[in-house]
Amino acid sequence: MKVKICGITNYEDAKLACDFGADALGFVFYKPSPRFIEVIEAKKIIQKLPPFVTKVALFVEMSADDINETMEFLKADIAQIHFDVDKNFLSKLNCKYLPVVRAKTKEDINKFEGYKIVDAFVKEYGGSGKRVNIEWFENRDNSKIILAGGLTPENVKEIKKYGFYGVDVSSGVEKVPGKKDKNKLKNFIEIVKGCK
């Protein structure tokens, strides 16, 4: 299973996540978030990251043009579209993208073809620690789903049997919002990667 560590706000946390084996890092460009980072600061971190770590830029309520412009400037790999959009909106993006399904019901997880992130619906757009109902994923192909929402080193082991492509964690490996906890980060990645 792949691991994305989201809400990176500083190089120290980014380096730790990479050293522990994270596959992707997420940068939040949504001002109300306690994990918000300025584009210029994120670019400085991205430029220092190893070549095989995927750089993900998270956007909320932004136009396709603004997303394209920011992605071009950042040289990030994937745009995470963390708000309600349709196929028409996605077709205007000039970059790789990953839509997020903020699931309220079991039916919601069928939205969008291909790879997607499924998160619990919360008004404030993620990072709240709220979990998706895990029973919704029983008896289905989850190989293109990245599960987000309320994951921690304590509970991540129980989702391994569902065959997700990956997991996305933010608040579950933090000391305080925007600052990662070294031990939680290490434990989380080791558990997902089967080292523990």
Protein backbone atom coordinates (compact mmCIF):
# COMPACT_ATOMS: atom_id res chain seq x y z
CA MET A 1 0.00 0.00 0.00
CA LYS A 2 1.19 3.50 -0.86
CA VAL A 3 1.45 6.18 1.83
CA LYS A 4 0.76 9.89 1.34
CA ILE A 5 1.63 12.25 4.17
CA CYS A 6 -0.48 15.39 3.78
CA GLY A 7 -0.34 18.82 5.36
CA ILE A 8 3.43 19.29 5.02
CA THR A 9 4.37 22.81 6.15
CA ASN A 10 8.15 22.58 6.63
CA TYR A 11 11.21 20.85 5.17
CA GLU A 12 12.06 18.98 8.39
CA ASP A 13 8.74 17.09 8.32
CA ALA A 14 9.06 16.49 4.57
CA LYS A 15 12.53 14.99 4.98
CA LEU A 16 11.45 12.77 7.89
CA ALA A 17 8.48 11.45 5.90
CA CYS A 18 10.73 10.65 2.94
CA ASP A 19 13.38 9.03 5.15
CA PHE A 20 10.73 6.79 6.73
CA GLY A 21 9.48 5.68 3.29
CA ALA A 22 6.50 7.89 2.35
CA ASP A 23 5.52 7.58 -1.32
CA ALA A 24 3.91 11.01 -1.61
CA LEU A 25 3.76 14.33 0.23
CA GLY A 26 0.81 16.74 0.20
CA PHE A 27 0.87 20.53 0.36
CA VAL A 28 -2.32 22.39 1.28
CA PHE A 29 -3.13 25.61 -0.63
CA TYR A 30 -6.33 26.42 1.25
CA LYS A 31 -5.93 29.47 3.48
CA PRO A 32 -8.42 28.55 6.25
CA SER A 33 -6.53 25.29 6.92
CA PRO A 34 -4.09 25.16 9.86
CA ARG A 35 -1.85 23.25 7.42
CA PHE A 36 -1.86 26.00 4.78
CA ILE A 37 1.48 26.73 3.14
CA GLU A 38 2.35 29.59 0.80
CA VAL A 39 3.07 28.44 -2.76
CA ILE A 40 6.58 29.92 -2.72
CA GLU A 41 7.45 28.05 0.51
CA ALA A 42 6.08 24.78 -0.87
CA LYS A 43 8.17 25.22 -4.02
CA LYS A 44 11.34 25.56 -1.91
CA ILE A 45 10.55 22.26 -0.16
CA ILE A 46 9.56 20.49 -3.41
CA GLN A 47 12.88 21.45 -5.02
CA LYS A 48 14.78 19.64 -2.25
CA LEU A 49 12.75 16.41 -2.30
CA PRO A 50 14.07 13.09 -3.65
CA PRO A 51 13.13 12.21 -7.25
CA PHE A 52 10.90 9.20 -6.51
CA VAL A 53 8.60 10.96 -4.02
CA THR A 54 5.34 12.22 -5.56
CA LYS A 55 4.56 15.87 -4.85
CA VAL A 56 0.83 16.54 -4.43
CA ALA A 57 -0.75 20.01 -4.35
CA LEU A 58 -4.15 20.18 -2.60
CA PHE A 59 -6.67 22.74 -3.85
CA VAL A 60 -10.06 23.84 -2.51
CA GLU A 61 -12.52 26.09 -4.37
CA MET A 62 -10.06 27.30 -7.02
CA SER A 63 -10.59 27.81 -10.74
CA ALA A 64 -9.06 25.40 -13.23
CA ASP A 65 -6.90 28.25 -14.60
CA ASP A 66 -5.52 29.06 -11.15
CA ILE A 67 -4.81 25.40 -10.47
CA ASN A 68 -2.99 25.05 -13.82
CA GLU A 69 -0.93 28.17 -13.12
CA THR A 70 0.01 27.04 -9.60
CA MET A 71 0.94 23.54 -10.77
CA GLU A 72 3.15 24.96 -13.52
CA PHE A 73 4.94 27.21 -11.01
CA LEU A 74 5.33 24.50 -8.36
CA LYS A 75 6.43 21.69 -10.68
CA ALA A 76 4.29 19.41 -8.50
CA ASP A 77 3.23 16.00 -9.87
CA ILE A 78 -0.48 15.78 -9.04
CA ALA A 79 -3.26 18.23 -8.21
CA GLN A 80 -5.55 16.94 -5.46
CA ILE A 81 -9.00 18.41 -6.18
CA HIS A 82 -10.52 18.55 -2.71
CA PHE A 83 -13.89 20.09 -3.55
CA ASP A 84 -16.98 19.15 -5.51
CA VAL A 85 -16.28 19.22 -9.24
CA ASP A 86 -17.59 17.50 -12.35
CA LYS A 87 -15.93 15.92 -15.39
CA ASN A 88 -16.14 19.21 -17.26
CA PHE A 89 -14.03 20.97 -14.62
CA LEU A 90 -11.48 18.15 -14.57
CA SER A 91 -11.18 18.23 -18.37
CA LYS A 92 -9.83 21.81 -18.11
CA LEU A 93 -6.83 20.77 -16.03
CA ASN A 94 -3.48 20.56 -17.81
CA CYS A 95 -1.94 18.33 -15.17
CA LYS A 96 -2.40 14.95 -13.54
CA TYR A 97 -5.14 15.17 -10.95
CA LEU A 98 -6.70 13.15 -8.19
CA PRO A 99 -10.34 13.92 -7.34
CA VAL A 100 -11.45 13.62 -3.73
CA VAL A 101 -14.80 12.08 -2.84
CA ARG A 102 -16.04 13.51 0.44
CA ALA A 103 -18.31 10.58 1.18
CA LYS A 104 -21.60 10.98 3.03
CA THR A 105 -23.05 7.66 1.83
CA LYS A 106 -21.86 4.31 0.52
CA GLU A 107 -23.00 5.29 -3.01
CA ASP A 108 -20.67 8.32 -2.97
CA ILE A 109 -17.58 6.13 -3.21
CA ASN A 110 -18.55 5.13 -6.76
CA LYS A 111 -18.16 8.73 -7.96
CA PHE A 112 -15.40 9.22 -10.57
CA GLU A 113 -13.71 6.55 -12.66
CA GLY A 114 -10.10 5.64 -12.00
CA TYR A 115 -7.93 6.60 -9.07
CA LYS A 116 -9.44 8.80 -6.37
CA ILE A 117 -9.17 9.69 -2.71
CA VAL A 118 -12.14 8.82 -0.51
CA ASP A 119 -12.41 10.95 2.62
CA ALA A 120 -15.11 11.43 5.24
CA PHE A 121 -17.41 14.36 4.55
CA VAL A 122 -16.62 17.30 6.84
CA LYS A 123 -17.64 20.91 6.33
CA GLU A 124 -14.12 22.24 6.82
CA TYR A 125 -12.37 20.17 4.08
CA GLY A 126 -10.29 17.49 5.76
CA GLY A 127 -7.73 17.27 8.53
CA SER A 128 -10.47 16.79 11.11
CA GLY A 129 -9.70 13.18 12.00
CA LYS A 130 -13.19 12.01 11.00
CA ARG A 131 -13.32 8.46 9.60
CA VAL A 132 -15.22 7.03 6.66
CA ASN A 133 -17.47 4.06 7.46
CA ILE A 134 -15.09 1.18 6.68
CA GLU A 135 -17.92 -1.33 6.08
CA TRP A 136 -18.75 0.56 2.87
CA PHE A 137 -15.62 -0.95 1.29
CA GLU A 138 -16.46 -4.60 1.91
CA ASN A 139 -16.88 -6.94 -1.09
CA ARG A 140 -15.71 -4.47 -3.73
CA ASP A 141 -12.56 -3.65 -5.70
CA ASN A 142 -10.72 -0.91 -3.81
CA SER A 143 -7.49 -1.08 -5.84
CA LYS A 144 -7.91 2.45 -7.20
CA ILE A 145 -8.96 4.04 -3.91
CA ILE A 146 -6.73 6.00 -1.57
CA LEU A 147 -8.39 6.07 1.84
CA ALA A 148 -8.23 9.26 3.90
CA GLY A 149 -9.90 10.49 7.06
CA GLY A 150 -9.16 9.66 10.67
CA LEU A 151 -6.28 7.26 10.07
CA THR A 152 -3.72 6.84 12.85
CA PRO A 153 -0.87 4.44 13.70
CA GLU A 154 -3.35 2.76 16.08
CA ASN A 155 -6.09 1.99 13.53
CA VAL A 156 -4.40 1.77 10.12
CA LYS A 157 -3.68 -1.95 10.43
CA GLU A 158 -7.40 -2.79 10.38
CA ILE A 159 -7.91 -1.32 6.90
CA LYS A 160 -5.12 -3.32 5.22
CA LYS A 161 -7.42 -6.24 4.34
CA TYR A 162 -9.58 -4.05 2.07
CA GLY A 163 -6.99 -3.83 -0.69
CA PHE A 164 -6.74 -0.06 -1.03
CA TYR A 165 -4.19 1.41 -3.43
CA GLY A 166 -2.99 3.69 -0.66
CA VAL A 167 -3.69 5.71 2.46
CA ASP A 168 -3.56 9.46 3.04
CA VAL A 169 -2.87 10.80 6.54
CA SER A 170 -2.55 14.27 7.99
CA SER A 171 -3.84 14.93 11.52
CA GLY A 172 -3.22 11.31 12.60
CA VAL A 173 0.57 11.78 12.55
CA GLU A 174 0.73 15.30 14.01
CA LYS A 175 2.03 16.77 17.25
CA VAL A 176 -0.05 19.91 16.63
CA PRO A 177 -1.84 21.01 13.42
CA GLY A 178 0.83 21.63 10.78
CA LYS A 179 3.67 19.92 12.67
CA LYS A 180 4.30 16.18 12.37
CA ASP A 181 5.19 13.88 15.25
CA LYS A 182 8.35 11.92 14.42
CA ASN A 183 7.31 8.70 16.19
CA LYS A 184 3.75 8.68 14.86
CA LEU A 185 5.07 9.31 11.35
CA LYS A 186 7.57 6.45 11.59
CA ASN A 187 5.07 4.02 13.15
CA PHE A 188 2.34 4.82 10.64
CA ILE A 189 4.55 4.26 7.60
CA GLU A 190 6.12 1.09 9.04
CA ILE A 191 2.72 -0.42 9.81
CA VAL A 192 1.35 0.31 6.32
CA LYS A 193 4.50 -0.99 4.64
CA GLY A 194 4.39 -4.19 6.69
CA CYS A 195 7.58 -3.53 8.67
CA LYS A 196 5.60 -3.79 11.96
